[in-house]
Structure formats: C-alpha cells, structure tokens
C-alpha cells in the first residue's frame, strides 16, 4: 500500500531497505490517473522489493520544488535515501517493471 507524503513526512519515507518509488501526481492530471493503477498493481506484485510513496504536487509543493518537478507524472527512484533514476510521463506496465528491475 503506497504511503502518502507531505512536506514534513517525505524525508522519513525514503529510509527503506527496498527500492523506493516516489510518484509525483495531482488529481487533475489525466496521465497520472492512467499510471496510478499500474503502479499500485506493480507495488502489490513486487511488495518484497519496492515501496511506493505518493506525492500530490498541490499538497506537498515544497517537496515538488526541491526535486524540480516540472511535469507530472514523474517517478523518482531512491536506493538507501539517494535518488538513482527518474522517469517523466505515463508508461505501460512492462516498461515500468523493466525500469524497476534495472534499479533493484
């Protein structure tokens, strides 16, 4: 189950032994609504390897600004609290799984 981050809780959510995928999204974003169920499905299937953190850019604007999020959806991939990869835009499930496996 994805965790929801705020400006104050974000940094603590990155501290995980698994690969952390941060999903920057907004309720008004069509491509975000397309990516969200795919990400939820992959998180369920790979729960032992990944965790997902959702950041609503309207609610956690400081976090979005810190990572210079200019377009959504944007996924940031973190290992041991450090960003290791980034994708922008919606993607099909096979492409998302491939990206995740490349960062494990």
N, C-alpha and C. Protein backbone atom coordinates (compact mmCIF):
# COMPACT_ATOMS: atom_id res chain seq x y z
N UNK A 1 0.84 -1.18 0.00
CA UNK A 1 0.00 0.00 0.00
C UNK A 1 0.88 1.24 0.00
N UNK A 2 0.70 2.09 -0.96
CA UNK A 2 1.51 3.30 -1.09
C UNK A 2 1.33 4.21 0.11
N UNK A 3 2.42 4.86 0.47
CA UNK A 3 2.38 5.85 1.54
C UNK A 3 2.17 7.22 0.91
N UNK A 4 1.46 8.08 1.61
CA UNK A 4 1.22 9.44 1.12
C UNK A 4 2.16 10.38 1.86
N UNK A 5 2.93 11.15 1.12
CA UNK A 5 3.93 12.04 1.71
C UNK A 5 3.41 13.47 1.78
N UNK A 6 3.85 14.14 2.83
CA UNK A 6 3.61 15.58 2.97
C UNK A 6 4.96 16.28 2.96
N UNK A 7 4.93 17.60 3.02
CA UNK A 7 6.19 18.34 3.08
C UNK A 7 7.02 17.91 4.29
N UNK A 8 6.37 17.56 5.40
CA UNK A 8 7.10 17.23 6.62
C UNK A 8 7.46 15.75 6.74
N UNK A 9 6.68 14.86 6.12
CA UNK A 9 6.94 13.42 6.29
C UNK A 9 7.80 12.81 5.19
N UNK A 10 8.06 13.55 4.12
CA UNK A 10 8.70 12.98 2.93
C UNK A 10 10.05 12.33 3.22
N UNK A 11 10.97 13.03 3.85
CA UNK A 11 12.33 12.51 4.03
C UNK A 11 12.35 11.19 4.79
N UNK A 12 11.50 11.06 5.80
CA UNK A 12 11.44 9.83 6.58
C UNK A 12 10.97 8.64 5.75
N UNK A 13 10.15 8.88 4.76
CA UNK A 13 9.61 7.79 3.93
C UNK A 13 10.64 7.23 2.96
N UNK A 14 11.73 7.94 2.75
CA UNK A 14 12.78 7.46 1.84
C UNK A 14 13.69 6.44 2.50
N UNK A 15 13.66 6.38 3.84
CA UNK A 15 14.54 5.49 4.58
C UNK A 15 13.94 4.09 4.61
N UNK A 16 14.27 3.30 3.61
CA UNK A 16 13.73 1.96 3.47
C UNK A 16 14.81 1.11 2.84
N UNK A 17 14.86 -0.16 3.21
CA UNK A 17 15.86 -1.05 2.62
C UNK A 17 15.47 -1.45 1.19
N UNK A 18 14.21 -1.25 0.85
CA UNK A 18 13.73 -1.57 -0.50
C UNK A 18 13.97 -0.37 -1.42
N UNK A 19 13.78 -0.61 -2.72
CA UNK A 19 13.77 0.48 -3.69
C UNK A 19 12.51 1.29 -3.44
N UNK A 20 12.65 2.60 -3.26
CA UNK A 20 11.50 3.47 -3.02
C UNK A 20 11.19 4.22 -4.31
N UNK A 21 9.95 4.10 -4.77
CA UNK A 21 9.50 4.80 -5.96
C UNK A 21 8.59 5.93 -5.50
N UNK A 22 8.96 7.15 -5.83
CA UNK A 22 8.16 8.31 -5.45
C UNK A 22 7.38 8.77 -6.68
N UNK A 23 6.06 8.77 -6.53
CA UNK A 23 5.14 9.14 -7.61
C UNK A 23 4.64 10.56 -7.37
N UNK A 24 5.10 11.50 -8.19
CA UNK A 24 4.61 12.88 -8.13
C UNK A 24 3.40 12.97 -9.04
N UNK A 25 2.25 13.38 -8.50
CA UNK A 25 0.98 13.35 -9.23
C UNK A 25 0.08 14.49 -8.75
N UNK A 26 -1.09 14.60 -9.40
CA UNK A 26 -2.14 15.54 -8.97
C UNK A 26 -3.48 14.98 -9.41
N UNK A 27 -4.53 15.36 -8.71
CA UNK A 27 -5.87 14.84 -9.01
C UNK A 27 -6.35 15.25 -10.39
N UNK A 28 -5.91 16.40 -10.88
CA UNK A 28 -6.36 16.93 -12.16
C UNK A 28 -5.56 16.41 -13.35
N UNK A 29 -4.59 15.55 -13.11
CA UNK A 29 -3.66 15.08 -14.15
C UNK A 29 -4.14 13.75 -14.76
N UNK A 30 -4.56 13.80 -16.02
CA UNK A 30 -5.03 12.60 -16.71
C UNK A 30 -4.00 11.48 -16.79
N UNK A 31 -2.78 11.75 -17.26
CA UNK A 31 -1.76 10.70 -17.32
C UNK A 31 -1.44 10.11 -15.94
N UNK A 32 -1.57 10.93 -14.89
CA UNK A 32 -1.35 10.43 -13.52
C UNK A 32 -2.40 9.37 -13.18
N UNK A 33 -3.64 9.64 -13.58
CA UNK A 33 -4.73 8.69 -13.30
C UNK A 33 -4.55 7.40 -14.11
N UNK A 34 -3.86 7.48 -15.24
CA UNK A 34 -3.56 6.27 -16.02
C UNK A 34 -2.44 5.46 -15.37
N UNK A 35 -1.44 6.13 -14.85
CA UNK A 35 -0.27 5.46 -14.26
C UNK A 35 -0.57 4.88 -12.88
N UNK A 36 -1.40 5.52 -12.11
CA UNK A 36 -1.63 5.14 -10.72
C UNK A 36 -2.05 3.68 -10.53
N UNK A 37 -3.05 3.15 -11.27
CA UNK A 37 -3.41 1.75 -11.05
C UNK A 37 -2.31 0.78 -11.49
N UNK A 38 -1.53 1.16 -12.49
CA UNK A 38 -0.41 0.31 -12.92
C UNK A 38 0.63 0.24 -11.80
N UNK A 39 0.94 1.39 -11.23
CA UNK A 39 1.91 1.45 -10.13
C UNK A 39 1.40 0.67 -8.92
N UNK A 40 0.11 0.79 -8.61
CA UNK A 40 -0.47 0.04 -7.49
C UNK A 40 -0.35 -1.47 -7.71
N UNK A 41 -0.61 -1.90 -8.93
CA UNK A 41 -0.54 -3.33 -9.27
C UNK A 41 0.90 -3.84 -9.15
N UNK A 42 1.85 -3.08 -9.67
CA UNK A 42 3.26 -3.49 -9.60
C UNK A 42 3.73 -3.49 -8.15
N UNK A 43 3.29 -2.52 -7.36
CA UNK A 43 3.68 -2.48 -5.95
C UNK A 43 3.19 -3.73 -5.23
N UNK A 44 1.97 -4.16 -5.52
CA UNK A 44 1.43 -5.36 -4.89
C UNK A 44 2.22 -6.59 -5.30
N UNK A 45 2.56 -6.69 -6.58
CA UNK A 45 3.30 -7.85 -7.10
C UNK A 45 4.74 -7.90 -6.62
N UNK A 46 5.34 -6.73 -6.38
CA UNK A 46 6.76 -6.67 -6.01
C UNK A 46 6.95 -6.11 -4.60
N UNK A 47 5.98 -6.34 -3.72
CA UNK A 47 5.98 -5.74 -2.38
C UNK A 47 7.24 -6.06 -1.57
N UNK A 48 7.87 -7.19 -1.85
CA UNK A 48 9.08 -7.55 -1.11
C UNK A 48 10.31 -6.79 -1.60
N UNK A 49 10.20 -6.12 -2.76
CA UNK A 49 11.36 -5.44 -3.34
C UNK A 49 11.22 -3.93 -3.42
N UNK A 50 9.97 -3.42 -3.46
CA UNK A 50 9.77 -1.98 -3.63
C UNK A 50 8.75 -1.45 -2.63
N UNK A 51 8.82 -0.15 -2.41
CA UNK A 51 7.75 0.56 -1.70
C UNK A 51 7.46 1.82 -2.51
N UNK A 52 6.22 2.27 -2.46
CA UNK A 52 5.79 3.41 -3.24
C UNK A 52 5.36 4.53 -2.30
N UNK A 53 5.81 5.73 -2.64
CA UNK A 53 5.43 6.94 -1.91
C UNK A 53 4.75 7.86 -2.91
N UNK A 54 3.55 8.32 -2.58
CA UNK A 54 2.80 9.21 -3.47
C UNK A 54 2.91 10.64 -2.95
N UNK A 55 3.25 11.56 -3.85
CA UNK A 55 3.38 12.97 -3.50
C UNK A 55 2.43 13.76 -4.39
N UNK A 56 1.38 14.30 -3.80
CA UNK A 56 0.46 15.18 -4.52
C UNK A 56 1.15 16.53 -4.61
N UNK A 57 1.47 16.97 -5.82
CA UNK A 57 2.25 18.21 -6.00
C UNK A 57 1.51 19.45 -5.51
N UNK A 58 0.19 19.38 -5.43
CA UNK A 58 -0.58 20.51 -4.92
C UNK A 58 -0.51 20.59 -3.40
N UNK A 59 -0.39 19.43 -2.74
CA UNK A 59 -0.35 19.39 -1.27
C UNK A 59 1.08 19.47 -0.72
N UNK A 60 2.03 18.89 -1.43
CA UNK A 60 3.43 18.85 -0.97
C UNK A 60 4.29 19.64 -1.95
N UNK A 61 3.96 20.91 -2.10
CA UNK A 61 4.64 21.75 -3.09
C UNK A 61 6.12 21.96 -2.78
N UNK A 62 6.50 21.94 -1.49
CA UNK A 62 7.91 22.13 -1.15
C UNK A 62 8.75 20.95 -1.64
N UNK A 63 8.22 19.75 -1.51
CA UNK A 63 8.94 18.55 -1.98
C UNK A 63 9.06 18.60 -3.50
N UNK A 64 7.97 18.94 -4.18
CA UNK A 64 7.99 19.04 -5.65
C UNK A 64 9.01 20.08 -6.10
N UNK A 65 9.08 21.20 -5.41
CA UNK A 65 10.03 22.25 -5.77
C UNK A 65 11.47 21.78 -5.52
N UNK A 66 11.70 21.07 -4.42
CA UNK A 66 13.05 20.60 -4.09
C UNK A 66 13.60 19.69 -5.19
N UNK A 67 12.74 18.87 -5.77
CA UNK A 67 13.18 17.94 -6.82
C UNK A 67 12.90 18.48 -8.23
N UNK A 68 12.55 19.75 -8.31
CA UNK A 68 12.34 20.44 -9.59
C UNK A 68 11.38 19.68 -10.50
N UNK A 69 10.24 19.29 -9.94
CA UNK A 69 9.23 18.58 -10.71
C UNK A 69 8.50 19.59 -11.59
N UNK A 70 8.68 19.47 -12.89
CA UNK A 70 8.08 20.40 -13.84
C UNK A 70 6.93 19.79 -14.61
N UNK A 71 6.88 18.46 -14.66
CA UNK A 71 5.87 17.75 -15.41
C UNK A 71 5.45 16.52 -14.61
N UNK A 72 4.16 16.21 -14.66
CA UNK A 72 3.70 15.03 -13.95
C UNK A 72 2.90 14.14 -14.89
N UNK A 73 2.89 12.84 -14.66
CA UNK A 73 3.53 12.16 -13.54
C UNK A 73 5.05 12.07 -13.71
N UNK A 74 5.74 12.18 -12.60
CA UNK A 74 7.18 11.93 -12.55
C UNK A 74 7.42 10.89 -11.48
N UNK A 75 8.24 9.89 -11.80
CA UNK A 75 8.65 8.89 -10.83
C UNK A 75 10.12 9.08 -10.53
N UNK A 76 10.45 9.16 -9.24
CA UNK A 76 11.84 9.19 -8.80
C UNK A 76 12.12 7.88 -8.09
N UNK A 77 13.28 7.31 -8.33
CA UNK A 77 13.67 6.03 -7.74
C UNK A 77 14.80 6.27 -6.74
N UNK A 78 14.61 5.81 -5.50
CA UNK A 78 15.58 6.02 -4.44
C UNK A 78 16.08 4.70 -3.88
N UNK A 79 17.41 4.63 -3.69
CA UNK A 79 18.05 3.49 -3.02
C UNK A 79 18.83 4.06 -1.85
N UNK A 80 18.58 3.53 -0.66
CA UNK A 80 19.29 3.99 0.53
C UNK A 80 19.21 5.51 0.69
N UNK A 81 18.05 6.08 0.37
CA UNK A 81 17.83 7.51 0.54
C UNK A 81 18.40 8.39 -0.56
N UNK A 82 19.06 7.80 -1.56
CA UNK A 82 19.66 8.57 -2.65
C UNK A 82 18.90 8.33 -3.94
N UNK A 83 18.62 9.40 -4.70
CA UNK A 83 17.94 9.26 -5.97
C UNK A 83 18.87 8.59 -6.99
N UNK A 84 18.37 7.53 -7.64
CA UNK A 84 19.18 6.80 -8.61
C UNK A 84 18.63 6.84 -10.02
N UNK A 85 17.36 7.24 -10.18
CA UNK A 85 16.76 7.27 -11.52
C UNK A 85 15.50 8.12 -11.49
N UNK A 86 15.01 8.45 -12.70
CA UNK A 86 13.84 9.31 -12.84
C UNK A 86 13.16 9.01 -14.16
N UNK A 87 11.83 9.02 -14.16
CA UNK A 87 11.07 8.94 -15.40
C UNK A 87 10.00 10.03 -15.38
N UNK A 88 9.63 10.51 -16.55
CA UNK A 88 8.59 11.52 -16.67
C UNK A 88 7.55 11.00 -17.65
N UNK A 89 6.29 11.07 -17.25
CA UNK A 89 5.20 10.63 -18.12
C UNK A 89 4.69 9.25 -17.76
N UNK A 90 3.48 8.97 -18.23
CA UNK A 90 2.88 7.66 -18.01
C UNK A 90 3.61 6.63 -18.86
N UNK A 91 3.54 5.37 -18.42
CA UNK A 91 4.19 4.29 -19.16
C UNK A 91 3.39 3.01 -18.97
N UNK A 92 3.49 2.08 -19.91
CA UNK A 92 2.80 0.80 -19.74
C UNK A 92 3.50 -0.04 -18.67
N UNK A 93 2.77 -1.00 -18.15
CA UNK A 93 3.29 -1.85 -17.07
C UNK A 93 4.63 -2.51 -17.42
N UNK A 94 4.80 -3.13 -18.61
CA UNK A 94 6.09 -3.77 -18.90
C UNK A 94 7.27 -2.80 -18.82
N UNK A 95 7.08 -1.57 -19.27
CA UNK A 95 8.16 -0.58 -19.21
C UNK A 95 8.47 -0.20 -17.76
N UNK A 96 7.43 -0.09 -16.94
CA UNK A 96 7.64 0.24 -15.53
C UNK A 96 8.38 -0.89 -14.82
N UNK A 97 7.97 -2.12 -15.06
CA UNK A 97 8.64 -3.27 -14.43
C UNK A 97 10.10 -3.34 -14.85
N UNK A 98 10.36 -3.09 -16.13
CA UNK A 98 11.75 -3.11 -16.63
C UNK A 98 12.59 -2.03 -15.93
N UNK A 99 12.02 -0.83 -15.78
CA UNK A 99 12.72 0.26 -15.11
C UNK A 99 13.02 -0.10 -13.65
N UNK A 100 12.05 -0.69 -12.99
CA UNK A 100 12.23 -1.08 -11.60
C UNK A 100 13.35 -2.13 -11.49
N UNK A 101 13.29 -3.15 -12.32
CA UNK A 101 14.30 -4.22 -12.27
C UNK A 101 15.69 -3.68 -12.54
N UNK A 102 15.80 -2.66 -13.40
CA UNK A 102 17.10 -2.08 -13.70
C UNK A 102 17.66 -1.32 -12.49
N UNK A 103 16.79 -0.95 -11.56
CA UNK A 103 17.24 -0.16 -10.40
C UNK A 103 17.30 -0.97 -9.10
N UNK A 104 16.93 -2.23 -9.14
CA UNK A 104 16.97 -3.04 -7.90
C UNK A 104 18.39 -3.34 -7.49
